[in-house]
């Protein structure tokens, strides 16, 4: 009984795969997929320019400098084989 059920499921899966392949080969399907990848209006309006205060540009810049600083501390600790605070003379 299970073999009939499994055979039926595999036949259904094969039919679904065949219909999916036919659909993907259809030129209208390709055009629909390309249309979904268009940029929306908001993403086009965003500009990388400095503004004073809390802005996305400032946050991105501060985040990048924080990553560079953290990497520098890790490298100092690896090469000097002592903690950053001891290397800097704080401790």
Protein backbone atom coordinates (compact mmCIF):
# COMPACT_ATOMS: atom_id res chain seq x y z
CA UNK A 1 0.00 0.00 0.00
CA UNK A 2 2.81 2.41 0.86
CA UNK A 3 4.51 1.82 -2.48
CA UNK A 4 1.40 3.02 -4.34
CA UNK A 5 1.20 6.09 -2.16
CA UNK A 6 4.91 6.85 -2.60
CA UNK A 7 4.65 6.29 -6.34
CA UNK A 8 1.72 8.67 -6.52
CA UNK A 9 3.61 11.33 -4.55
CA UNK A 10 6.66 11.00 -6.81
CA UNK A 11 4.47 11.25 -9.91
CA UNK A 12 2.87 14.41 -8.54
CA UNK A 13 6.30 15.84 -7.77
CA UNK A 14 7.50 15.04 -11.30
CA UNK A 15 4.45 16.70 -12.81
CA UNK A 16 4.97 19.79 -10.65
CA UNK A 17 8.63 19.97 -11.67
CA UNK A 18 7.73 19.67 -15.36
CA UNK A 19 5.14 22.44 -15.10
CA UNK A 20 7.63 24.64 -13.23
CA UNK A 21 10.24 24.14 -15.96
CA UNK A 22 7.70 24.97 -18.67
CA UNK A 23 6.64 28.09 -16.74
CA UNK A 24 10.24 29.27 -16.32
CA UNK A 25 10.93 28.81 -20.04
CA UNK A 26 7.94 31.02 -20.87
CA UNK A 27 9.06 34.56 -21.83
CA UNK A 28 6.24 36.17 -19.82
CA UNK A 29 7.52 34.48 -16.66
CA UNK A 30 10.99 35.93 -17.22
CA UNK A 31 9.54 39.41 -17.78
CA UNK A 32 7.56 39.15 -14.53
CA UNK A 33 10.70 38.20 -12.59
CA UNK A 34 12.65 41.14 -14.04
CA UNK A 35 9.80 43.50 -13.16
CA UNK A 36 9.91 42.40 -9.51
CA UNK A 37 13.57 43.44 -9.20
CA UNK A 38 13.03 47.13 -9.99
CA UNK A 39 14.12 49.64 -7.37
CA UNK A 40 11.42 51.38 -5.44
CA UNK A 41 11.24 55.18 -5.34
CA UNK A 42 12.52 55.54 -1.76
CA UNK A 43 15.80 53.74 -2.43
CA UNK A 44 16.51 56.05 -5.36
CA UNK A 45 15.91 59.19 -3.25
CA UNK A 46 18.52 58.32 -0.57
CA UNK A 47 21.70 60.37 -1.03
CA UNK A 48 25.07 60.03 0.68
CA UNK A 49 25.57 63.55 1.91
CA UNK A 50 26.60 64.89 5.29
CA UNK A 51 23.91 66.34 7.51
CA UNK A 52 24.50 67.67 10.98
CA UNK A 53 22.85 65.62 13.74
CA UNK A 54 21.27 62.18 13.76
CA UNK A 55 21.16 60.94 10.19
CA UNK A 56 21.69 57.61 8.48
CA UNK A 57 24.91 58.90 6.88
CA UNK A 58 26.36 59.80 10.30
CA UNK A 59 25.37 56.45 11.78
CA UNK A 60 26.98 54.51 8.94
CA UNK A 61 30.18 56.58 9.18
CA UNK A 62 30.41 56.17 12.96
CA UNK A 63 29.78 52.43 12.64
CA UNK A 64 32.57 52.04 10.11
CA UNK A 65 35.05 53.94 12.30
CA UNK A 66 34.01 51.80 15.29
CA UNK A 67 34.72 48.62 13.29
CA UNK A 68 38.15 49.94 12.27
CA UNK A 69 38.94 50.84 15.90
CA UNK A 70 37.86 47.46 17.19
CA UNK A 71 39.98 45.70 14.57
CA UNK A 72 42.96 47.89 15.52
CA UNK A 73 42.61 46.92 19.20
CA UNK A 74 42.44 43.22 18.31
CA UNK A 75 45.55 43.51 16.11
CA UNK A 76 47.47 45.39 18.83
CA UNK A 77 46.64 42.67 21.35
CA UNK A 78 47.65 39.90 18.93
CA UNK A 79 51.00 41.42 17.97
CA UNK A 80 52.04 42.78 21.39
CA UNK A 81 50.76 39.70 23.29
CA UNK A 82 49.38 41.89 26.09
CA UNK A 83 46.07 43.59 26.74
CA UNK A 84 45.29 46.87 25.02
CA UNK A 85 44.92 48.71 28.33
CA UNK A 86 48.38 47.57 29.46
CA UNK A 87 49.87 48.40 26.04
CA UNK A 88 48.36 51.90 26.19
CA UNK A 89 49.72 52.44 29.73
CA UNK A 90 46.30 52.74 31.36
CA UNK A 91 46.87 49.77 33.68
